[in-house]
Amino acid sequence: MKKINQILILSLSLFVVSCGASKYTMSDTEIAEKGYSIDGWNVMKNGTKVGTLSSTEWELYKNSFVREISVATSFTKDEDMLEIARFLHSKFPDAKIEVNEDSGNSFE
């Protein structure tokens, strides 16, 4: 009985962890439904440019190289900016993603 409980707890833990990962990434289906793509230096949503690559850099942190991708967007709402970050993280899972409002940050 103890072994069954351990297996159930392990299975539930794996399920919770795997569900939590989708908070930061988009599946191919979600990307298609939302209409995201990359065209050269631009992030596109349903054929309209919603962001532009503003810089890339490499950071050396704790003996590891980390690539940072920065994108400027005209979106001002946090939820829209986070959605772009999720899309980019799905495409570049090993990179640090930064999304900035291109007209300056605000607290809206």
PDB file of N, CA and C in Angstrom:
ATOM      1  N   MET A   1       0.824  -1.196   0.000  1.00  0.00           N
ATOM      2  CA  MET A   1       0.000   0.000   0.000  1.00  0.00           C
ATOM      3  C   MET A   1       0.863   1.253   0.000  1.00  0.00           C
ATOM      4  N   LYS A   2       1.955   1.204   0.758  1.00  0.00           N
ATOM      5  CA  LYS A   2       2.853   2.348   0.838  1.00  0.00           C
ATOM      6  C   LYS A   2       3.463   2.654  -0.528  1.00  0.00           C
ATOM      7  N   LYS A   3       3.809   1.609  -1.269  1.00  0.00           N
ATOM      8  CA  LYS A   3       4.402   1.778  -2.596  1.00  0.00           C
ATOM      9  C   LYS A   3       3.385   2.410  -3.556  1.00  0.00           C
ATOM     10  N   ILE A   4       2.131   2.012  -3.476  1.00  0.00           N
ATOM     11  CA  ILE A   4       1.085   2.591  -4.333  1.00  0.00           C
ATOM     12  C   ILE A   4       0.922   4.076  -4.023  1.00  0.00           C
ATOM     13  N   ASN A   5       0.921   4.425  -2.738  1.00  0.00           N
ATOM     14  CA  ASN A   5       0.818   5.836  -2.356  1.00  0.00           C
ATOM     15  C   ASN A   5       1.998   6.654  -2.907  1.00  0.00           C
ATOM     16  N   GLN A   6       3.196   6.077  -2.843  1.00  0.00           N
ATOM     17  CA  GLN A   6       4.372   6.762  -3.366  1.00  0.00           C
ATOM     18  C   GLN A   6       4.249   6.988  -4.869  1.00  0.00           C
ATOM     19  N   ILE A   7       3.761   5.983  -5.572  1.00  0.00           N
ATOM     20  CA  ILE A   7       3.582   6.104  -7.022  1.00  0.00           C
ATOM     21  C   ILE A   7       2.537   7.165  -7.347  1.00  0.00           C
ATOM     22  N   LEU A   8       1.440   7.179  -6.592  1.00  0.00           N
ATOM     23  CA  LEU A   8       0.400   8.192  -6.814  1.00  0.00           C
ATOM     24  C   LEU A   8       0.929   9.604  -6.545  1.00  0.00           C
ATOM     25  N   ILE A   9       1.679   9.761  -5.479  1.00  0.00           N
ATOM     26  CA  ILE A   9       2.247  11.074  -5.150  1.00  0.00           C
ATOM     27  C   ILE A   9       3.230  11.505  -6.228  1.00  0.00           C
ATOM     28  N   LEU A  10       4.067  10.612  -6.683  1.00  0.00           N
ATOM     29  CA  LEU A  10       5.032  10.922  -7.741  1.00  0.00           C
ATOM     30  C   LEU A  10       4.308  11.301  -9.031  1.00  0.00           C
ATOM     31  N   SER A  11       3.283  10.544  -9.389  1.00  0.00           N
ATOM     32  CA  SER A  11       2.516  10.827 -10.604  1.00  0.00           C
ATOM     33  C   SER A  11       1.840  12.186 -10.521  1.00  0.00           C
ATOM     34  N   LEU A  12       1.235  12.482  -9.386  1.00  0.00           N
ATOM     35  CA  LEU A  12       0.577  13.775  -9.189  1.00  0.00           C
ATOM     36  C   LEU A  12       1.585  14.912  -9.244  1.00  0.00           C
ATOM     37  N   SER A  13       2.751  14.724  -8.647  1.00  0.00           N
ATOM     38  CA  SER A  13       3.811  15.747  -8.681  1.00  0.00           C
ATOM     39  C   SER A  13       4.261  16.026 -10.103  1.00  0.00           C
ATOM     40  N   LEU A  14       4.473  14.968 -10.881  1.00  0.00           N
ATOM     41  CA  LEU A  14       4.877  15.147 -12.276  1.00  0.00           C
ATOM     42  C   LEU A  14       3.805  15.864 -13.071  1.00  0.00           C
ATOM     43  N   PHE A  15       2.547  15.545 -12.816  1.00  0.00           N
ATOM     44  CA  PHE A  15       1.442  16.204 -13.501  1.00  0.00           C
ATOM     45  C   PHE A  15       1.413  17.695 -13.179  1.00  0.00           C
ATOM     46  N   VAL A  16       1.561  18.038 -11.909  1.00  0.00           N
ATOM     47  CA  VAL A  16       1.544  19.439 -11.487  1.00  0.00           C
ATOM     48  C   VAL A  16       2.715  20.194 -12.098  1.00  0.00           C
ATOM     49  N   VAL A  17       3.897  19.614 -12.083  1.00  0.00           N
ATOM     50  CA  VAL A  17       5.074  20.263 -12.651  1.00  0.00           C
ATOM     51  C   VAL A  17       4.909  20.447 -14.153  1.00  0.00           C
ATOM     52  N   SER A  18       4.407  19.442 -14.855  1.00  0.00           N
ATOM     53  CA  SER A  18       4.258  19.558 -16.304  1.00  0.00           C
ATOM     54  C   SER A  18       3.192  20.583 -16.664  1.00  0.00           C
ATOM     55  N   CYS A  19       2.146  20.712 -15.874  1.00  0.00           N
ATOM     56  CA  CYS A  19       1.120  21.722 -16.133  1.00  0.00           C
ATOM     57  C   CYS A  19       1.666  23.121 -15.881  1.00  0.00           C
ATOM     58  N   GLY A  20       2.504  23.271 -14.874  1.00  0.00           N
ATOM     59  CA  GLY A  20       3.072  24.573 -14.558  1.00  0.00           C
ATOM     60  C   GLY A  20       3.994  25.088 -15.643  1.00  0.00           C
ATOM     61  N   ALA A  21       4.631  24.200 -16.385  1.00  0.00           N
ATOM     62  CA  ALA A  21       5.561  24.627 -17.434  1.00  0.00           C
ATOM     63  C   ALA A  21       4.838  25.384 -18.536  1.00  0.00           C
ATOM     64  N   SER A  22       3.587  25.044 -18.827  1.00  0.00           N
ATOM     65  CA  SER A  22       2.851  25.700 -19.897  1.00  0.00           C
ATOM     66  C   SER A  22       2.547  27.155 -19.570  1.00  0.00           C
ATOM     67  N   LYS A  23       2.706  27.550 -18.342  1.00  0.00           N
ATOM     68  CA  LYS A  23       2.524  28.948 -17.943  1.00  0.00           C
ATOM     69  C   LYS A  23       3.561  29.837 -18.638  1.00  0.00           C
ATOM     70  N   TYR A  24       4.701  29.264 -18.997  1.00  0.00           N
ATOM     71  CA  TYR A  24       5.792  30.040 -19.575  1.00  0.00           C
ATOM     72  C   TYR A  24       6.025  29.771 -21.057  1.00  0.00           C
ATOM     73  N   THR A  25       5.361  28.796 -21.605  1.00  0.00           N
ATOM     74  CA  THR A  25       5.533  28.482 -23.018  1.00  0.00           C
ATOM     75  C   THR A  25       4.171  28.318 -23.682  1.00  0.00           C
ATOM     76  N   MET A  26       4.189  28.329 -25.009  1.00  0.00           N
ATOM     77  CA  MET A  26       2.984  28.079 -25.795  1.00  0.00           C
ATOM     78  C   MET A  26       3.190  26.800 -26.591  1.00  0.00           C
ATOM     79  N   SER A  27       2.166  26.018 -26.704  1.00  0.00           N
ATOM     80  CA  SER A  27       2.220  24.841 -27.568  1.00  0.00           C
ATOM     81  C   SER A  27       2.130  25.315 -29.022  1.00  0.00           C
ATOM     82  N   ASP A  28       2.475  24.435 -29.948  1.00  0.00           N
ATOM     83  CA  ASP A  28       2.344  24.776 -31.371  1.00  0.00           C
ATOM     84  C   ASP A  28       0.902  25.122 -31.715  1.00  0.00           C
ATOM     85  N   THR A  29      -0.031  24.441 -31.076  1.00  0.00           N
ATOM     86  CA  THR A  29      -1.452  24.717 -31.317  1.00  0.00           C
ATOM     87  C   THR A  29      -1.816  26.118 -30.854  1.00  0.00           C
ATOM     88  N   GLU A  30      -1.362  26.499 -29.650  1.00  0.00           N
ATOM     89  CA  GLU A  30      -1.671  27.831 -29.135  1.00  0.00           C
ATOM     90  C   GLU A  30      -1.014  28.910 -29.997  1.00  0.00           C
ATOM     91  N   ILE A  31       0.219  28.669 -30.441  1.00  0.00           N
ATOM     92  CA  ILE A  31       0.901  29.624 -31.320  1.00  0.00           C
ATOM     93  C   ILE A  31       0.084  29.828 -32.591  1.00  0.00           C
ATOM     94  N   ALA A  32      -0.390  28.739 -33.178  1.00  0.00           N
ATOM     95  CA  ALA A  32      -1.197  28.836 -34.402  1.00  0.00           C
ATOM     96  C   ALA A  32      -2.525  29.551 -34.139  1.00  0.00           C
ATOM     97  N   GLU A  33      -3.177  29.216 -33.018  1.00  0.00           N
ATOM     98  CA  GLU A  33      -4.457  29.850 -32.690  1.00  0.00           C
ATOM     99  C   GLU A  33      -4.313  31.352 -32.474  1.00  0.00           C
ATOM    100  N   LYS A  34      -3.224  31.763 -31.844  1.00  0.00           N
ATOM    101  CA  LYS A  34      -3.006  33.185 -31.565  1.00  0.00           C
ATOM    102  C   LYS A  34      -2.377  33.902 -32.752  1.00  0.00           C
ATOM    103  N   GLY A  35      -1.876  33.151 -33.732  1.00  0.00           N
ATOM    104  CA  GLY A  35      -1.345  33.746 -34.951  1.00  0.00           C
ATOM    105  C   GLY A  35       0.059  34.317 -34.844  1.00  0.00           C
ATOM    106  N   TYR A  36       0.881  33.790 -33.928  1.00  0.00           N
ATOM    107  CA  TYR A  36       2.248  34.304 -33.758  1.00  0.00           C
ATOM    108  C   TYR A  36       3.208  33.678 -34.757  1.00  0.00           C
ATOM    109  N   SER A  37       4.164  34.489 -35.203  1.00  0.00           N
ATOM    110  CA  SER A  37       5.248  34.003 -36.060  1.00  0.00           C
ATOM    111  C   SER A  37       6.404  34.995 -35.962  1.00  0.00           C
ATOM    112  N   ILE A  38       7.523  34.599 -36.544  1.00  0.00           N
ATOM    113  CA  ILE A  38       8.696  35.467 -36.598  1.00  0.00           C
ATOM    114  C   ILE A  38       9.002  35.706 -38.064  1.00  0.00           C
ATOM    115  N   ASP A  39       9.192  36.975 -38.424  1.00  0.00           N
ATOM    116  CA  ASP A  39       9.520  37.347 -39.796  1.00  0.00           C
ATOM    117  C   ASP A  39      10.765  38.225 -39.755  1.00  0.00           C
ATOM    118  N   GLY A  40      11.913  37.612 -39.989  1.00  0.00           N
ATOM    119  CA  GLY A  40      13.172  38.370 -39.916  1.00  0.00           C
ATOM    120  C   GLY A  40      13.422  38.843 -38.499  1.00  0.00           C
ATOM    121  N   TRP A  41      13.427  40.157 -38.307  1.00  0.00           N
ATOM    122  CA  TRP A  41      13.662  40.772 -36.993  1.00  0.00           C
ATOM    123  C   TRP A  41      12.359  41.058 -36.252  1.00  0.00           C
ATOM    124  N   ASN A  42      11.226  40.700 -36.848  1.00  0.00           N
ATOM    125  CA  ASN A  42       9.924  41.088 -36.306  1.00  0.00           C
ATOM    126  C   ASN A  42       9.145  39.925 -35.720  1.00  0.00           C
ATOM    127  N   VAL A  43       8.403  40.225 -34.654  1.00  0.00           N
ATOM    128  CA  VAL A  43       7.430  39.295 -34.092  1.00  0.00           C
ATOM    129  C   VAL A  43       6.088  39.700 -34.686  1.00  0.00           C
ATOM    130  N   MET A  44       5.425  38.737 -35.293  1.00  0.00           N
ATOM    131  CA  MET A  44       4.161  38.999 -35.975  1.00  0.00           C
ATOM    132  C   MET A  44       3.018  38.310 -35.231  1.00  0.00           C
ATOM    133  N   LYS A  45       1.838  38.955 -35.261  1.00  0.00           N
ATOM    134  CA  LYS A  45       0.626  38.350 -34.732  1.00  0.00           C
ATOM    135  C   LYS A  45      -0.463  38.575 -35.763  1.00  0.00           C
ATOM    136  N   ASN A  46      -0.949  37.490 -36.333  1.00  0.00           N
ATOM    137  CA  ASN A  46      -1.955  37.553 -37.397  1.00  0.00           C
ATOM    138  C   ASN A  46      -1.519  38.465 -38.538  1.00  0.00           C
ATOM    139  N   GLY A  47      -0.239  38.395 -38.906  1.00  0.00           N
ATOM    140  CA  GLY A  47       0.280  39.160 -40.032  1.00  0.00           C
ATOM    141  C   GLY A  47       0.643  40.600 -39.733  1.00  0.00           C
ATOM    142  N   THR A  48       0.454  41.041 -38.485  1.00  0.00           N
ATOM    143  CA  THR A  48       0.768  42.415 -38.096  1.00  0.00           C
ATOM    144  C   THR A  48       1.982  42.413 -37.169  1.00  0.00           C
ATOM    145  N   LYS A  49       2.910  43.325 -37.422  1.00  0.00           N
ATOM    146  CA  LYS A  49       4.100  43.415 -36.572  1.00  0.00           C
ATOM    147  C   LYS A  49       3.707  43.914 -35.181  1.00  0.00           C
ATOM    148  N   VAL A  50       4.073  43.143 -34.158  1.00  0.00           N
ATOM    149  CA  VAL A  50       3.771  43.526 -32.777  1.00  0.00           C
ATOM    150  C   VAL A  50       5.033  43.694 -31.940  1.00  0.00           C
ATOM    151  N   GLY A  51       6.192  43.393 -32.531  1.00  0.00           N
ATOM    152  CA  GLY A  51       7.449  43.545 -31.813  1.00  0.00           C
ATOM    153  C   GLY A  51       8.616  43.473 -32.770  1.00  0.00           C
ATOM    154  N   THR A  52       9.738  44.080 -32.359  1.00  0.00           N
ATOM    155  CA  THR A  52      10.960  44.080 -33.156  1.00  0.00           C
ATOM    156  C   THR A  52      12.137  43.741 -32.259  1.00  0.00           C
ATOM    157  N   LEU A  53      13.014  42.877 -32.756  1.00  0.00           N
ATOM    158  CA  LEU A  53      14.234  42.552 -32.023  1.00  0.00           C
ATOM    159  C   LEU A  53      15.023  43.836 -31.820  1.00  0.00           C
ATOM    160  N   SER A  54      15.300  44.180 -30.570  1.00  0.00           N
ATOM    161  CA  SER A  54      16.055  45.411 -30.304  1.00  0.00           C
ATOM    162  C   SER A  54      17.505  45.115 -29.967  1.00  0.00           C
ATOM    163  N   SER A  55      17.775  43.939 -29.395  1.00  0.00           N
ATOM    164  CA  SER A  55      19.169  43.569 -29.128  1.00  0.00           C
ATOM    165  C   SER A  55      19.250  42.102 -28.721  1.00  0.00           C
ATOM    166  N   THR A  56      20.444  41.571 -28.874  1.00  0.00           N
ATOM    167  CA  THR A  56      20.758  40.266 -28.308  1.00  0.00           C
ATOM    168  C   THR A  56      22.082  40.421 -27.577  1.00  0.00           C
ATOM    169  N   GLU A  57      22.276  39.638 -26.570  1.00  0.00           N
ATOM    170  CA  GLU A  57      23.542  39.687 -25.836  1.00  0.00           C
ATOM    171  C   GLU A  57      23.799  38.330 -25.214  1.00  0.00           C
ATOM    172  N   TRP A  58      25.043  38.120 -24.877  1.00  0.00           N
ATOM    173  CA  TRP A  58      25.445  36.921 -24.151  1.00  0.00           C
ATOM    174  C   TRP A  58      25.912  37.338 -22.773  1.00  0.00           C
ATOM    175  N   GLU A  59      25.422  36.653 -21.769  1.00  0.00           N
ATOM    176  CA  GLU A  59      25.843  36.884 -20.385  1.00  0.00           C
ATOM    177  C   GLU A  59      26.587  35.651 -19.899  1.00  0.00           C
ATOM    178  N   LEU A  60      27.627  35.880 -19.135  1.00  0.00           N
ATOM    179  CA  LEU A  60      28.332  34.781 -18.481  1.00  0.00           C
ATOM    180  C   LEU A  60      27.946  34.858 -17.008  1.00  0.00           C
ATOM    181  N   TYR A  61      27.212  33.846 -16.545  1.00  0.00           N
ATOM    182  CA  TYR A  61      26.703  33.846 -15.181  1.00  0.00           C
ATOM    183  C   TYR A  61      26.909  32.469 -14.582  1.00  0.00           C
ATOM    184  N   LYS A  62      27.625  32.425 -13.468  1.00  0.00           N
ATOM    185  CA  LYS A  62      27.905  31.174 -12.761  1.00  0.00           C
ATOM    186  C   LYS A  62      28.434  30.099 -13.704  1.00  0.00           C
ATOM    187  N   ASN A  63      29.442  30.460 -14.471  1.00  0.00           N
ATOM    188  CA  ASN A  63      30.114  29.552 -15.396  1.00  0.00           C
ATOM    189  C   ASN A  63      29.209  29.014 -16.498  1.00  0.00           C
ATOM    190  N   SER A  64      28.179  29.766 -16.847  1.00  0.00           N
ATOM    191  CA  SER A  64      27.299  29.381 -17.951  1.00  0.00           C
ATOM    192  C   SER A  64      27.031  30.597 -18.823  1.00  0.00           C
ATOM    193  N   PHE A  65      27.015  30.381 -20.133  1.00  0.00           N
ATOM    194  CA  PHE A  65      26.625  31.436 -21.053  1.00  0.00           C
ATOM    195  C   PHE A  65      25.114  31.424 -21.203  1.00  0.00           C
ATOM    196  N   VAL A  66      24.505  32.598 -21.125  1.00  0.00           N
ATOM    197  CA  VAL A  66      23.070  32.742 -21.283  1.00  0.00           C
ATOM    198  C   VAL A  66      22.829  33.803 -22.353  1.00  0.00           C
ATOM    199  N   ARG A  67      22.037  33.449 -23.348  1.00  0.00           N
ATOM    200  CA  ARG A  67      21.699  34.395 -24.407  1.00  0.00           C
ATOM    201  C   ARG A  67      20.461  35.175 -23.993  1.00  0.00           C
ATOM    202  N   GLU A  68      20.497  36.498 -24.153  1.00  0.00           N
ATOM    203  CA  GLU A  68      19.335  37.336 -23.873  1.00  0.00           C
ATOM    204  C   GLU A  68      18.822  37.914 -25.171  1.00  0.00           C
ATOM    205  N   ILE A  69      17.526  37.791 -25.388  1.00  0.00           N
ATOM    206  CA  ILE A  69      16.863  38.347 -26.558  1.00  0.00           C
ATOM    207  C   ILE A  69      15.920  39.439 -26.066  1.00  0.00           C
ATOM    208  N   SER A  70      16.120  40.661 -26.558  1.00  0.00           N
ATOM    209  CA  SER A  70      15.275  41.787 -26.172  1.00  0.00           C
ATOM    210  C   SER A  70      14.411  42.199 -27.353  1.00  0.00           C
ATOM    211  N   VAL A  71      13.126  42.381 -27.088  1.00  0.00           N
ATOM    212  CA  VAL A  71      12.168  42.766 -28.114  1.00  0.00           C
ATOM    213  C   VAL A  71      11.430  44.015 -27.642  1.00  0.00           C
ATOM    214  N   ALA A  72      11.312  44.986 -28.547  1.00  0.00           N
ATOM    215  CA  ALA A  72      10.532  46.199 -28.273  1.00  0.00           C
ATOM    216  C   ALA A  72       9.149  46.017 -28.887  1.00  0.00           C
ATOM    217  N   THR A  73       8.134  46.435 -28.146  1.00  0.00           N
ATOM    218  CA  THR A  73       6.754  46.312 -28.624  1.00  0.00           C
ATOM    219  C   THR A  73       5.997  47.607 -28.353  1.00  0.00           C
ATOM    220  N   SER A  74       4.939  47.830 -29.105  1.00  0.00           N
ATOM    221  CA  SER A  74       4.083  48.989 -28.840  1.00  0.00           C
ATOM    222  C   SER A  74       2.981  48.633 -27.849  1.00  0.00           C
ATOM    223  N   PHE A  75       2.886  47.354 -27.471  1.00  0.00           N
ATOM    224  CA  PHE A  75       1.903  46.951 -26.461  1.00  0.00           C
ATOM    225  C   PHE A  75       2.237  47.610 -25.132  1.00  0.00           C
ATOM    226  N   THR A  76       1.225  48.036 -24.404  1.00  0.00           N
ATOM    227  CA  THR A  76       1.453  48.639 -23.094  1.00  0.00           C
ATOM    228  C   THR A  76       0.877  47.790 -21.963  1.00  0.00           C
ATOM    229  N   LYS A  77       0.008  46.862 -22.272  1.00  0.00           N
ATOM    230  CA  LYS A  77      -0.593  46.026 -21.234  1.00  0.00           C
ATOM    231  C   LYS A  77       0.341  44.873 -20.893  1.00  0.00           C
ATOM    232  N   ASP A  78       0.479  44.626 -19.610  1.00  0.00           N
ATOM    233  CA  ASP A  78       1.340  43.534 -19.149  1.00  0.00           C
ATOM    234  C   ASP A  78       0.952  42.201 -19.777  1.00  0.00           C
ATOM    235  N   GLU A  79      -0.348  41.906 -19.852  1.00  0.00           N
ATOM    236  CA  GLU A  79      -0.779  40.613 -20.378  1.00  0.00           C
ATOM    237  C   GLU A  79      -0.328  40.412 -21.831  1.00  0.00           C
ATOM    238  N   ASP A  80      -0.339  41.476 -22.631  1.00  0.00           N
ATOM    239  CA  ASP A  80       0.120  41.373 -24.021  1.00  0.00           C
ATOM    240  C   ASP A  80       1.634  41.178 -24.093  1.00  0.00           C
ATOM    241  N   MET A  81       2.348  41.896 -23.233  1.00  0.00           N
ATOM    242  CA  MET A  81       3.807  41.770 -23.212  1.00  0.00           C
ATOM    243  C   MET A  81       4.219  40.379 -22.730  1.00  0.00           C
ATOM    244  N   LEU A  82       3.519  39.856 -21.738  1.00  0.00           N
ATOM    245  CA  LEU A  82       3.811  38.514 -21.236  1.00  0.00           C
ATOM    246  C   LEU A  82       3.500  37.450 -22.291  1.00  0.00           C
ATOM    247  N   GLU A  83       2.471  37.692 -23.101  1.00  0.00           N
ATOM    248  CA  GLU A  83       2.135  36.746 -24.160  1.00  0.00           C
ATOM    249  C   GLU A  83       3.263  36.678 -25.199  1.00  0.00           C
ATOM    250  N   ILE A  84       3.830  37.832 -25.570  1.00  0.00           N
ATOM    251  CA  ILE A  84       4.969  37.839 -26.495  1.00  0.00           C
ATOM    252  C   ILE A  84       6.146  37.097 -25.864  1.00  0.00           C
ATOM    253  N   ALA A  85       6.399  37.332 -24.582  1.00  0.00           N
ATOM    254  CA  ALA A  85       7.502  36.659 -23.899  1.00  0.00           C
ATOM    255  C   ALA A  85       7.294  35.143 -23.911  1.00  0.00           C
ATOM    256  N   ARG A  86       6.068  34.688 -23.665  1.00  0.00           N
ATOM    257  CA  ARG A  86       5.768  33.251 -23.702  1.00  0.00           C
ATOM    258  C   ARG A  86       6.014  32.672 -25.090  1.00  0.00           C
ATOM    259  N   PHE A  87       5.595  33.402 -26.128  1.00  0.00           N
ATOM    260  CA  PHE A  87       5.812  32.942 -27.500  1.00  0.00           C
ATOM    261  C   PHE A  87       7.306  32.810 -27.784  1.00  0.00           C
ATOM    262  N   LEU A  88       8.067  33.852 -27.449  1.00  0.00           N
ATOM    263  CA  LEU A  88       9.502  33.826 -27.713  1.00  0.00           C
ATOM    264  C   LEU A  88      10.212  32.741 -26.902  1.00  0.00           C
ATOM    265  N   HIS A  89       9.771  32.541 -25.662  1.00  0.00           N
ATOM    266  CA  HIS A  89      10.365  31.482 -24.844  1.00  0.00           C
ATOM    267  C   HIS A  89      10.083  30.106 -25.450  1.00  0.00           C
ATOM    268  N   SER A  90       8.943  29.958 -26.100  1.00  0.00           N
ATOM    269  CA  SER A  90       8.619  28.699 -26.773  1.00  0.00           C
ATOM    270  C   SER A  90       9.563  28.449 -27.939  1.00  0.00           C
ATOM    271  N   LYS A  91       9.939  29.512 -28.641  1.00  0.00           N
ATOM    272  CA  LYS A  91      10.828  29.388 -29.792  1.00  0.00           C
ATOM    273  C   LYS A  91      12.302  29.310 -29.385  1.00  0.00           C
ATOM    274  N   PHE A  92      12.661  29.974 -28.293  1.00  0.00           N
ATOM    275  CA  PHE A  92      14.047  30.034 -27.820  1.00  0.00           C
ATOM    276  C   PHE A  92      14.087  29.668 -26.335  1.00  0.00           C
ATOM    277  N   PRO A  93      13.853  28.390 -25.998  1.00  0.00           N
ATOM    278  CA  PRO A  93      13.687  27.988 -24.595  1.00  0.00           C
ATOM    279  C   PRO A  93      14.929  28.158 -23.722  1.00  0.00           C
ATOM    280  N   ASP A  94      16.109  28.246 -24.313  1.00  0.00           N
ATOM    281  CA  ASP A  94      17.323  28.393 -23.512  1.00  0.00           C
ATOM    282  C   ASP A  94      17.756  29.849 -23.357  1.00  0.00           C
ATOM    283  N   ALA A  95      17.001  30.775 -23.940  1.00  0.00           N
ATOM    284  CA  ALA A  95      17.366  32.196 -23.889  1.00  0.00           C
ATOM    285  C   ALA A  95      16.595  32.919 -22.795  1.00  0.00           C
ATOM    286  N   LYS A  96      17.197  33.972 -22.304  1.00  0.00           N
ATOM    287  CA  LYS A  96      16.528  34.898 -21.392  1.00  0.00           C
ATOM    288  C   LYS A  96      15.758  35.866 -22.286  1.00  0.00           C
ATOM    289  N   ILE A  97      14.474  36.036 -22.057  1.00  0.00           N
ATOM    290  CA  ILE A  97      13.623  36.858 -22.916  1.00  0.00           C
ATOM    291  C   ILE A  97      13.258  38.142 -22.189  1.00  0.00           C
ATOM    292  N   GLU A  98      13.385  39.258 -22.904  1.00  0.00           N
ATOM    293  CA  GLU A  98      13.027  40.556 -22.344  1.00  0.00           C
ATOM    294  C   GLU A  98      12.121  41.265 -23.347  1.00  0.00           C
ATOM    295  N   VAL A  99      10.972  41.764 -22.891  1.00  0.00           N
ATOM    296  CA  VAL A  99      10.043  42.498 -23.741  1.00  0.00           C
ATOM    297  C   VAL A  99       9.857  43.875 -23.137  1.00  0.00           C
ATOM    298  N   ASN A 100      10.117  44.908 -23.947  1.00  0.00           N
ATOM    299  CA  ASN A 100      10.022  46.292 -23.496  1.00  0.00           C
ATOM    300  C   ASN A 100       9.010  47.061 -24.317  1.00  0.00           C
ATOM    301  N   GLU A 101       8.289  47.947 -23.671  1.00  0.00           N
ATOM    302  CA  GLU A 101       7.425  48.866 -24.395  1.00  0.00           C
ATOM    303  C   GLU A 101       8.339  49.866 -25.093  1.00  0.00           C
ATOM    304  N   ASP A 102       8.177  50.058 -26.400  1.00  0.00           N
ATOM    305  CA  ASP A 102       9.121  50.884 -27.143  1.00  0.00           C
ATOM    306  C   ASP A 102       8.960  52.376 -26.938  1.00  0.00           C
ATOM    307  N   SER A 103       7.886  52.818 -26.319  1.00  0.00           N
ATOM    308  CA  SER A 103       7.732  54.255 -26.065  1.00  0.00           C
ATOM    309  C   SER A 103       8.041  54.611 -24.613  1.00  0.00           C
ATOM    310  N   GLY A 104       8.669  53.693 -23.905  1.00  0.00           N
ATOM    311  CA  GLY A 104       8.984  53.914 -22.493  1.00  0.00           C
ATOM    312  C   GLY A 104       8.025  53.144 -21.616  1.00  0.00           C
ATOM    313  N   ASN A 105       8.514  52.708 -20.486  1.00  0.00           N
ATOM    314  CA  ASN A 105       7.680  51.897 -19.587  1.00  0.00           C
ATOM    315  C   ASN A 105       6.673  52.758 -18.850  1.00  0.00           C
ATOM    316  N   SER A 106       5.572  52.124 -18.472  1.00  0.00           N
ATOM    317  CA  SER A 106       4.537  52.794 -17.700  1.00  0.00           C
ATOM    318  C   SER A 106       4.030  51.834 -16.642  1.00  0.00           C
ATOM    319  N   PHE A 107       3.235  52.340 -15.725  1.00  0.00           N
ATOM    320  CA  PHE A 107       2.695  51.498 -14.665  1.00  0.00           C
ATOM    321  C   PHE A 107       1.199  51.328 -14.843  1.00  0.00           C
ATOM    322  N   GLU A 108       0.772  50.916 -16.022  1.00  0.00           N
ATOM    323  CA  GLU A 108      -0.659  50.710 -16.291  1.00  0.00           C
ATOM    324  C   GLU A 108      -1.035  49.288 -16.013  1.00  0.00           C
TER     325      GLU A 108
END
